[in-house]
């Protein structure tokens, strides 16, 4: 849970956390996050966790009430990858 808490920096997930995420359909998990849950967890960190575990949430997906952040993360990822290949 430390990985996705609102307070503090992102913390690398434990092996047990990674295993759980890898068995989950993260786009579905994102869709069902309630407003109350968003008061306890960071949706941005949740998306980052999913990505770190190879379970990328598709760009434009609804994740809690913040689907725009996924578009921003997609754009950042695209720019990062583009910069790597341009060099």
PDB file of N, CA and C in Angstrom:
ATOM      1  N   UNK A   1       0.824  -1.200   0.000  1.00  0.00           N
ATOM      2  CA  UNK A   1       0.000   0.000   0.000  1.00  0.00           C
ATOM      3  C   UNK A   1       0.861   1.254   0.000  1.00  0.00           C
ATOM      4  N   UNK A   2       2.073   1.178   0.523  1.00  0.00           N
ATOM      5  CA  UNK A   2       2.949   2.351   0.554  1.00  0.00           C
ATOM      6  C   UNK A   2       3.209   2.886  -0.845  1.00  0.00           C
ATOM      7  N   UNK A   3       3.174   2.000  -1.821  1.00  0.00           N
ATOM      8  CA  UNK A   3       3.466   2.390  -3.196  1.00  0.00           C
ATOM      9  C   UNK A   3       2.467   3.406  -3.726  1.00  0.00           C
ATOM     10  N   UNK A   4       1.206   3.301  -3.350  1.00  0.00           N
ATOM     11  CA  UNK A   4       0.168   4.151  -3.955  1.00  0.00           C
ATOM     12  C   UNK A   4      -0.496   5.132  -2.993  1.00  0.00           C
ATOM     13  N   UNK A   5       0.098   5.325  -1.814  1.00  0.00           N
ATOM     14  CA  UNK A   5      -0.493   6.281  -0.874  1.00  0.00           C
ATOM     15  C   UNK A   5      -0.373   7.703  -1.404  1.00  0.00           C
ATOM     16  N   UNK A   6      -1.257   8.563  -0.934  1.00  0.00           N
ATOM     17  CA  UNK A   6      -1.238   9.959  -1.364  1.00  0.00           C
ATOM     18  C   UNK A   6       0.000  10.693  -0.865  1.00  0.00           C
ATOM     19  N   UNK A   7       0.408  10.397   0.343  1.00  0.00           N
ATOM     20  CA  UNK A   7       1.537  11.098   0.938  1.00  0.00           C
ATOM     21  C   UNK A   7       2.861  10.515   0.466  1.00  0.00           C
ATOM     22  N   UNK A   8       3.822  11.385   0.326  1.00  0.00           N
ATOM     23  CA  UNK A   8       5.182  10.949   0.027  1.00  0.00           C
ATOM     24  C   UNK A   8       5.412  10.574  -1.417  1.00  0.00           C
ATOM     25  N   UNK A   9       6.649  10.178  -1.662  1.00  0.00           N
ATOM     26  CA  UNK A   9       7.064   9.787  -3.003  1.00  0.00           C
ATOM     27  C   UNK A   9       6.615   8.364  -3.316  1.00  0.00           C
ATOM     28  N   UNK A  10       6.676   8.048  -4.589  1.00  0.00           N
ATOM     29  CA  UNK A  10       6.399   6.693  -5.052  1.00  0.00           C
ATOM     30  C   UNK A  10       7.443   5.755  -4.451  1.00  0.00           C
ATOM     31  N   UNK A  11       6.998   4.625  -3.938  1.00  0.00           N
ATOM     32  CA  UNK A  11       7.882   3.615  -3.350  1.00  0.00           C
ATOM     33  C   UNK A  11       7.811   2.381  -4.235  1.00  0.00           C
ATOM     34  N   UNK A  12       8.958   1.824  -4.581  1.00  0.00           N
ATOM     35  CA  UNK A  12       8.946   0.612  -5.396  1.00  0.00           C
ATOM     36  C   UNK A  12       8.116  -0.472  -4.717  1.00  0.00           C
ATOM     37  N   UNK A  13       7.314  -1.193  -5.499  1.00  0.00           N
ATOM     38  CA  UNK A  13       6.428  -2.204  -4.912  1.00  0.00           C
ATOM     39  C   UNK A  13       7.183  -3.443  -4.441  1.00  0.00           C
ATOM     40  N   UNK A  14       6.594  -4.103  -3.456  1.00  0.00           N
ATOM     41  CA  UNK A  14       7.153  -5.373  -2.975  1.00  0.00           C
ATOM     42  C   UNK A  14       6.883  -6.457  -4.018  1.00  0.00           C
ATOM     43  N   UNK A  15       7.531  -7.582  -3.883  1.00  0.00           N
ATOM     44  CA  UNK A  15       7.298  -8.696  -4.807  1.00  0.00           C
ATOM     45  C   UNK A  15       5.849  -9.159  -4.763  1.00  0.00           C
ATOM     46  N   UNK A  16       5.270  -9.196  -3.562  1.00  0.00           N
ATOM     47  CA  UNK A  16       3.876  -9.622  -3.418  1.00  0.00           C
ATOM     48  C   UNK A  16       2.949  -8.637  -4.141  1.00  0.00           C
ATOM     49  N   UNK A  17       3.248  -7.358  -4.019  1.00  0.00           N
ATOM     50  CA  UNK A  17       2.457  -6.339  -4.699  1.00  0.00           C
ATOM     51  C   UNK A  17       2.566  -6.523  -6.215  1.00  0.00           C
ATOM     52  N   UNK A  18       3.771  -6.721  -6.713  1.00  0.00           N
ATOM     53  CA  UNK A  18       3.976  -6.939  -8.152  1.00  0.00           C
ATOM     54  C   UNK A  18       3.192  -8.151  -8.653  1.00  0.00           C
ATOM     55  N   UNK A  19       3.247  -9.236  -7.900  1.00  0.00           N
ATOM     56  CA  UNK A  19       2.532 -10.456  -8.288  1.00  0.00           C
ATOM     57  C   UNK A  19       1.034 -10.205  -8.378  1.00  0.00           C
ATOM     58  N   UNK A  20       0.507  -9.456  -7.422  1.00  0.00           N
ATOM     59  CA  UNK A  20      -0.925  -9.148  -7.405  1.00  0.00           C
ATOM     60  C   UNK A  20      -1.309  -8.301  -8.605  1.00  0.00           C
ATOM     61  N   UNK A  21      -0.515  -7.288  -8.890  1.00  0.00           N
ATOM     62  CA  UNK A  21      -0.802  -6.412 -10.028  1.00  0.00           C
ATOM     63  C   UNK A  21      -0.714  -7.193 -11.332  1.00  0.00           C
ATOM     64  N   UNK A  22       0.278  -8.045 -11.458  1.00  0.00           N
ATOM     65  CA  UNK A  22       0.454  -8.813 -12.688  1.00  0.00           C
ATOM     66  C   UNK A  22      -0.703  -9.777 -12.943  1.00  0.00           C
ATOM     67  N   UNK A  23      -1.423 -10.169 -11.909  1.00  0.00           N
ATOM     68  CA  UNK A  23      -2.579 -11.053 -12.057  1.00  0.00           C
ATOM     69  C   UNK A  23      -3.870 -10.270 -12.286  1.00  0.00           C
ATOM     70  N   UNK A  24      -3.798  -8.951 -12.232  1.00  0.00           N
ATOM     71  CA  UNK A  24      -4.997  -8.112 -12.291  1.00  0.00           C
ATOM     72  C   UNK A  24      -5.158  -7.445 -13.654  1.00  0.00           C
ATOM     73  N   UNK A  25      -6.387  -7.148 -13.981  1.00  0.00           N
ATOM     74  CA  UNK A  25      -6.696  -6.379 -15.180  1.00  0.00           C
ATOM     75  C   UNK A  25      -6.803  -4.923 -14.731  1.00  0.00           C
ATOM     76  N   UNK A  26      -5.698  -4.194 -14.854  1.00  0.00           N
ATOM     77  CA  UNK A  26      -5.584  -2.877 -14.242  1.00  0.00           C
ATOM     78  C   UNK A  26      -6.533  -1.837 -14.831  1.00  0.00           C
ATOM     79  N   UNK A  27      -6.882  -1.946 -16.097  1.00  0.00           N
ATOM     80  CA  UNK A  27      -7.846  -1.003 -16.668  1.00  0.00           C
ATOM     81  C   UNK A  27      -9.189  -1.143 -15.956  1.00  0.00           C
ATOM     82  N   UNK A  28      -9.557  -2.357 -15.614  1.00  0.00           N
ATOM     83  CA  UNK A  28     -10.803  -2.598 -14.881  1.00  0.00           C
ATOM     84  C   UNK A  28     -10.686  -2.075 -13.453  1.00  0.00           C
ATOM     85  N   UNK A  29      -9.548  -2.333 -12.820  1.00  0.00           N
ATOM     86  CA  UNK A  29      -9.326  -1.838 -11.458  1.00  0.00           C
ATOM     87  C   UNK A  29      -9.484  -0.325 -11.443  1.00  0.00           C
ATOM     88  N   UNK A  30      -8.892   0.333 -12.413  1.00  0.00           N
ATOM     89  CA  UNK A  30      -8.978   1.801 -12.490  1.00  0.00           C
ATOM     90  C   UNK A  30     -10.421   2.284 -12.618  1.00  0.00           C
ATOM     91  N   UNK A  31     -11.195   1.584 -13.433  1.00  0.00           N
ATOM     92  CA  UNK A  31     -12.583   2.010 -13.684  1.00  0.00           C
ATOM     93  C   UNK A  31     -13.453   1.970 -12.434  1.00  0.00           C
ATOM     94  N   UNK A  32     -13.139   1.092 -11.512  1.00  0.00           N
ATOM     95  CA  UNK A  32     -14.023   0.917 -10.354  1.00  0.00           C
ATOM     96  C   UNK A  32     -13.535   1.623  -9.091  1.00  0.00           C
ATOM     97  N   UNK A  33     -12.510   2.432  -9.200  1.00  0.00           N
ATOM     98  CA  UNK A  33     -12.020   3.170  -8.023  1.00  0.00           C
ATOM     99  C   UNK A  33     -13.055   4.219  -7.642  1.00  0.00           C
ATOM    100  N   UNK A  34     -13.467   4.176  -6.400  1.00  0.00           N
ATOM    101  CA  UNK A  34     -14.488   5.112  -5.919  1.00  0.00           C
ATOM    102  C   UNK A  34     -13.852   6.430  -5.481  1.00  0.00           C
ATOM    103  N   UNK A  35     -14.694   7.424  -5.285  1.00  0.00           N
ATOM    104  CA  UNK A  35     -14.226   8.714  -4.798  1.00  0.00           C
ATOM    105  C   UNK A  35     -13.600   8.552  -3.414  1.00  0.00           C
ATOM    106  N   UNK A  36     -14.207   7.743  -2.567  1.00  0.00           N
ATOM    107  CA  UNK A  36     -13.662   7.502  -1.230  1.00  0.00           C
ATOM    108  C   UNK A  36     -12.268   6.880  -1.300  1.00  0.00           C
ATOM    109  N   UNK A  37     -12.076   5.945  -2.223  1.00  0.00           N
ATOM    110  CA  UNK A  37     -10.767   5.311  -2.380  1.00  0.00           C
ATOM    111  C   UNK A  37      -9.730   6.317  -2.877  1.00  0.00           C
ATOM    112  N   UNK A  38     -10.185   7.267  -3.689  1.00  0.00           N
ATOM    113  CA  UNK A  38      -9.267   8.278  -4.195  1.00  0.00           C
ATOM    114  C   UNK A  38      -8.785   9.231  -3.103  1.00  0.00           C
ATOM    115  N   UNK A  39      -9.474   9.252  -1.988  1.00  0.00           N
ATOM    116  CA  UNK A  39      -9.027  10.057  -0.855  1.00  0.00           C
ATOM    117  C   UNK A  39      -7.895   9.360  -0.095  1.00  0.00           C
ATOM    118  N   UNK A  40      -7.682   8.074  -0.411  1.00  0.00           N
ATOM    119  CA  UNK A  40      -6.665   7.286   0.280  1.00  0.00           C
ATOM    120  C   UNK A  40      -5.481   6.912  -0.607  1.00  0.00           C
ATOM    121  N   UNK A  41      -5.726   6.799  -1.912  1.00  0.00           N
ATOM    122  CA  UNK A  41      -4.668   6.370  -2.825  1.00  0.00           C
ATOM    123  C   UNK A  41      -4.465   7.399  -3.936  1.00  0.00           C
ATOM    124  N   UNK A  42      -3.286   7.358  -4.506  1.00  0.00           N
ATOM    125  CA  UNK A  42      -2.959   8.220  -5.638  1.00  0.00           C
ATOM    126  C   UNK A  42      -3.201   7.445  -6.931  1.00  0.00           C
ATOM    127  N   UNK A  43      -4.107   7.942  -7.745  1.00  0.00           N
ATOM    128  CA  UNK A  43      -4.397   7.300  -9.027  1.00  0.00           C
ATOM    129  C   UNK A  43      -3.167   7.372  -9.926  1.00  0.00           C
ATOM    130  N   UNK A  44      -2.446   8.469  -9.853  1.00  0.00           N
ATOM    131  CA  UNK A  44      -1.226   8.621 -10.648  1.00  0.00           C
ATOM    132  C   UNK A  44      -0.214   7.536 -10.273  1.00  0.00           C
ATOM    133  N   UNK A  45      -0.042   7.296  -8.979  1.00  0.00           N
ATOM    134  CA  UNK A  45       0.876   6.263  -8.531  1.00  0.00           C
ATOM    135  C   UNK A  45       0.369   4.870  -8.898  1.00  0.00           C
ATOM    136  N   UNK A  46      -0.941   4.687  -8.901  1.00  0.00           N
ATOM    137  CA  UNK A  46      -1.517   3.401  -9.287  1.00  0.00           C
ATOM    138  C   UNK A  46      -1.197   3.097 -10.747  1.00  0.00           C
ATOM    139  N   UNK A  47      -1.338   4.088 -11.598  1.00  0.00           N
ATOM    140  CA  UNK A  47      -1.018   3.915 -13.022  1.00  0.00           C
ATOM    141  C   UNK A  47       0.472   3.629 -13.187  1.00  0.00           C
ATOM    142  N   UNK A  48       1.285   4.333 -12.422  1.00  0.00           N
ATOM    143  CA  UNK A  48       2.735   4.090 -12.465  1.00  0.00           C
ATOM    144  C   UNK A  48       3.069   2.681 -11.999  1.00  0.00           C
ATOM    145  N   UNK A  49       2.405   2.229 -10.954  1.00  0.00           N
ATOM    146  CA  UNK A  49       2.599   0.868 -10.447  1.00  0.00           C
ATOM    147  C   UNK A  49       2.243  -0.157 -11.524  1.00  0.00           C
ATOM    148  N   UNK A  50       1.101   0.038 -12.148  1.00  0.00           N
ATOM    149  CA  UNK A  50       0.668  -0.882 -13.206  1.00  0.00           C
ATOM    150  C   UNK A  50       1.724  -0.946 -14.306  1.00  0.00           C
ATOM    151  N   UNK A  51       2.212   0.201 -14.697  1.00  0.00           N
ATOM    152  CA  UNK A  51       3.223   0.271 -15.744  1.00  0.00           C
ATOM    153  C   UNK A  51       4.508  -0.449 -15.316  1.00  0.00           C
ATOM    154  N   UNK A  52       4.934  -0.229 -14.078  1.00  0.00           N
ATOM    155  CA  UNK A  52       6.148  -0.861 -13.559  1.00  0.00           C
ATOM    156  C   UNK A  52       6.033  -2.385 -13.557  1.00  0.00           C
ATOM    157  N   UNK A  53       4.802  -2.866 -13.474  1.00  0.00           N
ATOM    158  CA  UNK A  53       4.559  -4.313 -13.435  1.00  0.00           C
ATOM    159  C   UNK A  53       4.184  -4.875 -14.801  1.00  0.00           C
ATOM    160  N   UNK A  54       4.322  -4.065 -15.838  1.00  0.00           N
ATOM    161  CA  UNK A  54       4.025  -4.525 -17.187  1.00  0.00           C
ATOM    162  C   UNK A  54       2.545  -4.609 -17.499  1.00  0.00           C
ATOM    163  N   UNK A  55       1.721  -3.940 -16.721  1.00  0.00           N
ATOM    164  CA  UNK A  55       0.263  -3.960 -16.936  1.00  0.00           C
ATOM    165  C   UNK A  55      -0.198  -2.537 -17.271  1.00  0.00           C
ATOM    166  N   UNK A  56       0.248  -2.038 -18.387  1.00  0.00           N
ATOM    167  CA  UNK A  56      -0.011  -0.655 -18.774  1.00  0.00           C
ATOM    168  C   UNK A  56      -1.507  -0.435 -18.964  1.00  0.00           C
ATOM    169  N   UNK A  57      -1.992   0.635 -18.364  1.00  0.00           N
ATOM    170  CA  UNK A  57      -3.392   1.035 -18.522  1.00  0.00           C
ATOM    171  C   UNK A  57      -3.464   1.835 -19.826  1.00  0.00           C
ATOM    172  N   UNK A  58      -4.311   1.432 -20.764  1.00  0.00           N
ATOM    173  CA  UNK A  58      -4.370   2.115 -22.059  1.00  0.00           C
ATOM    174  C   UNK A  58      -4.650   3.612 -21.926  1.00  0.00           C
ATOM    175  N   UNK A  59      -4.001   4.388 -22.769  1.00  0.00           N
ATOM    176  CA  UNK A  59      -4.223   5.840 -22.780  1.00  0.00           C
ATOM    177  C   UNK A  59      -5.700   6.118 -23.012  1.00  0.00           C
ATOM    178  N   UNK A  60      -6.225   7.093 -22.293  1.00  0.00           N
ATOM    179  CA  UNK A  60      -7.634   7.464 -22.421  1.00  0.00           C
ATOM    180  C   UNK A  60      -8.558   6.675 -21.521  1.00  0.00           C
ATOM    181  N   UNK A  61      -8.019   5.676 -20.824  1.00  0.00           N
ATOM    182  CA  UNK A  61      -8.847   4.891 -19.909  1.00  0.00           C
ATOM    183  C   UNK A  61      -9.281   5.748 -18.730  1.00  0.00           C
ATOM    184  N   UNK A  62     -10.444   5.447 -18.204  1.00  0.00           N
ATOM    185  CA  UNK A  62     -10.907   6.132 -17.000  1.00  0.00           C
ATOM    186  C   UNK A  62     -10.228   5.469 -15.810  1.00  0.00           C
ATOM    187  N   UNK A  63      -9.609   6.275 -14.995  1.00  0.00           N
ATOM    188  CA  UNK A  63      -8.975   5.755 -13.791  1.00  0.00           C
ATOM    189  C   UNK A  63      -9.421   6.634 -12.643  1.00  0.00           C
ATOM    190  N   UNK A  64     -10.364   6.141 -11.869  1.00  0.00           N
ATOM    191  CA  UNK A  64     -10.980   6.990 -10.858  1.00  0.00           C
ATOM    192  C   UNK A  64     -11.709   8.106 -11.581  1.00  0.00           C
ATOM    193  N   UNK A  65     -11.547   9.318 -11.118  1.00  0.00           N
ATOM    194  CA  UNK A  65     -12.186  10.442 -11.793  1.00  0.00           C
ATOM    195  C   UNK A  65     -11.177  11.226 -12.620  1.00  0.00           C
ATOM    196  N   UNK A  66      -9.993  10.640 -12.824  1.00  0.00           N
ATOM    197  CA  UNK A  66      -8.905  11.386 -13.464  1.00  0.00           C
ATOM    198  C   UNK A  66      -8.436  10.719 -14.747  1.00  0.00           C
ATOM    199  N   UNK A  67      -9.277  10.614 -15.747  1.00  0.00           N
ATOM    200  CA  UNK A  67      -8.851   9.975 -16.989  1.00  0.00           C
ATOM    201  C   UNK A  67      -7.881  10.861 -17.764  1.00  0.00           C
ATOM    202  N   UNK A  68      -7.869  12.149 -17.530  1.00  0.00           N
ATOM    203  CA  UNK A  68      -6.950  13.042 -18.240  1.00  0.00           C
ATOM    204  C   UNK A  68      -5.499  12.722 -17.926  1.00  0.00           C
ATOM    205  N   UNK A  69      -5.217  12.311 -16.719  1.00  0.00           N
ATOM    206  CA  UNK A  69      -3.829  12.043 -16.344  1.00  0.00           C
ATOM    207  C   UNK A  69      -3.241  10.934 -17.206  1.00  0.00           C
ATOM    208  N   UNK A  70      -4.051   9.988 -17.625  1.00  0.00           N
ATOM    209  CA  UNK A  70      -3.547   8.920 -18.473  1.00  0.00           C
ATOM    210  C   UNK A  70      -3.108   9.457 -19.825  1.00  0.00           C
ATOM    211  N   UNK A  71      -3.844  10.425 -20.341  1.00  0.00           N
ATOM    212  CA  UNK A  71      -3.449  11.031 -21.600  1.00  0.00           C
ATOM    213  C   UNK A  71      -2.131  11.781 -21.439  1.00  0.00           C
ATOM    214  N   UNK A  72      -1.964  12.434 -20.318  1.00  0.00           N
ATOM    215  CA  UNK A  72      -0.720  13.154 -20.050  1.00  0.00           C
ATOM    216  C   UNK A  72       0.438  12.162 -19.937  1.00  0.00           C
ATOM    217  N   UNK A  73       0.226  11.084 -19.191  1.00  0.00           N
ATOM    218  CA  UNK A  73       1.274  10.072 -19.050  1.00  0.00           C
ATOM    219  C   UNK A  73       1.612   9.431 -20.392  1.00  0.00           C
ATOM    220  N   UNK A  74       0.607   9.204 -21.209  1.00  0.00           N
ATOM    221  CA  UNK A  74       0.831   8.645 -22.545  1.00  0.00           C
ATOM    222  C   UNK A  74       1.684   9.604 -23.366  1.00  0.00           C
ATOM    223  N   UNK A  75       1.365  10.892 -23.308  1.00  0.00           N
ATOM    224  CA  UNK A  75       2.117  11.891 -24.066  1.00  0.00           C
ATOM    225  C   UNK A  75       3.568  11.954 -23.586  1.00  0.00           C
ATOM    226  N   UNK A  76       3.764  11.923 -22.276  1.00  0.00           N
ATOM    227  CA  UNK A  76       5.125  11.953 -21.718  1.00  0.00           C
ATOM    228  C   UNK A  76       5.895  10.718 -22.168  1.00  0.00           C
ATOM    229  N   UNK A  77       5.262   9.565 -22.110  1.00  0.00           N
ATOM    230  CA  UNK A  77       5.900   8.324 -22.534  1.00  0.00           C
ATOM    231  C   UNK A  77       6.265   8.392 -24.015  1.00  0.00           C
ATOM    232  N   UNK A  78       5.366   8.901 -24.831  1.00  0.00           N
ATOM    233  CA  UNK A  78       5.614   9.027 -26.260  1.00  0.00           C
ATOM    234  C   UNK A  78       6.813   9.934 -26.515  1.00  0.00           C
ATOM    235  N   UNK A  79       6.866  11.064 -25.827  1.00  0.00           N
ATOM    236  CA  UNK A  79       7.988  11.989 -26.001  1.00  0.00           C
ATOM    237  C   UNK A  79       9.299  11.354 -25.549  1.00  0.00           C
ATOM    238  N   UNK A  80       9.250  10.636 -24.449  1.00  0.00           N
ATOM    239  CA  UNK A  80      10.448   9.977 -23.925  1.00  0.00           C
ATOM    240  C   UNK A  80      10.965   8.962 -24.928  1.00  0.00           C
ATOM    241  N   UNK A  81      10.085   8.122 -25.436  1.00  0.00           N
ATOM    242  CA  UNK A  81      10.488   7.102 -26.412  1.00  0.00           C
ATOM    243  C   UNK A  81      10.997   7.768 -27.688  1.00  0.00           C
ATOM    244  N   UNK A  82      10.332   8.821 -28.113  1.00  0.00           N
ATOM    245  CA  UNK A  82      10.768   9.533 -29.323  1.00  0.00           C
ATOM    246  C   UNK A  82      12.171  10.087 -29.145  1.00  0.00           C
ATOM    247  N   UNK A  83      12.463  10.617 -27.978  1.00  0.00           N
ATOM    248  CA  UNK A  83      13.796  11.182 -27.710  1.00  0.00           C
ATOM    249  C   UNK A  83      14.865  10.108 -27.730  1.00  0.00           C
ATOM    250  N   UNK A  84      14.533   8.921 -27.276  1.00  0.00           N
ATOM    251  CA  UNK A  84      15.513   7.839 -27.268  1.00  0.00           C
ATOM    252  C   UNK A  84      15.879   7.447 -28.701  1.00  0.00           C
ATOM    253  N   UNK A  85      14.882   7.356 -29.569  1.00  0.00           N
ATOM    254  CA  UNK A  85      15.133   6.914 -30.936  1.00  0.00           C
ATOM    255  C   UNK A  85      15.707   8.007 -31.827  1.00  0.00           C
ATOM    256  N   UNK A  86      15.526   9.255 -31.439  1.00  0.00           N
ATOM    257  CA  UNK A  86      16.068  10.353 -32.242  1.00  0.00           C
ATOM    258  C   UNK A  86      17.577  10.448 -32.064  1.00  0.00           C
ATOM    259  N   UNK A  87      18.063  10.122 -30.868  1.00  0.00           N
ATOM    260  CA  UNK A  87      19.502  10.205 -30.596  1.00  0.00           C
ATOM    261  C   UNK A  87      20.205   9.237 -31.433  1.00  0.00           C
TER     262      UNK A  87
END
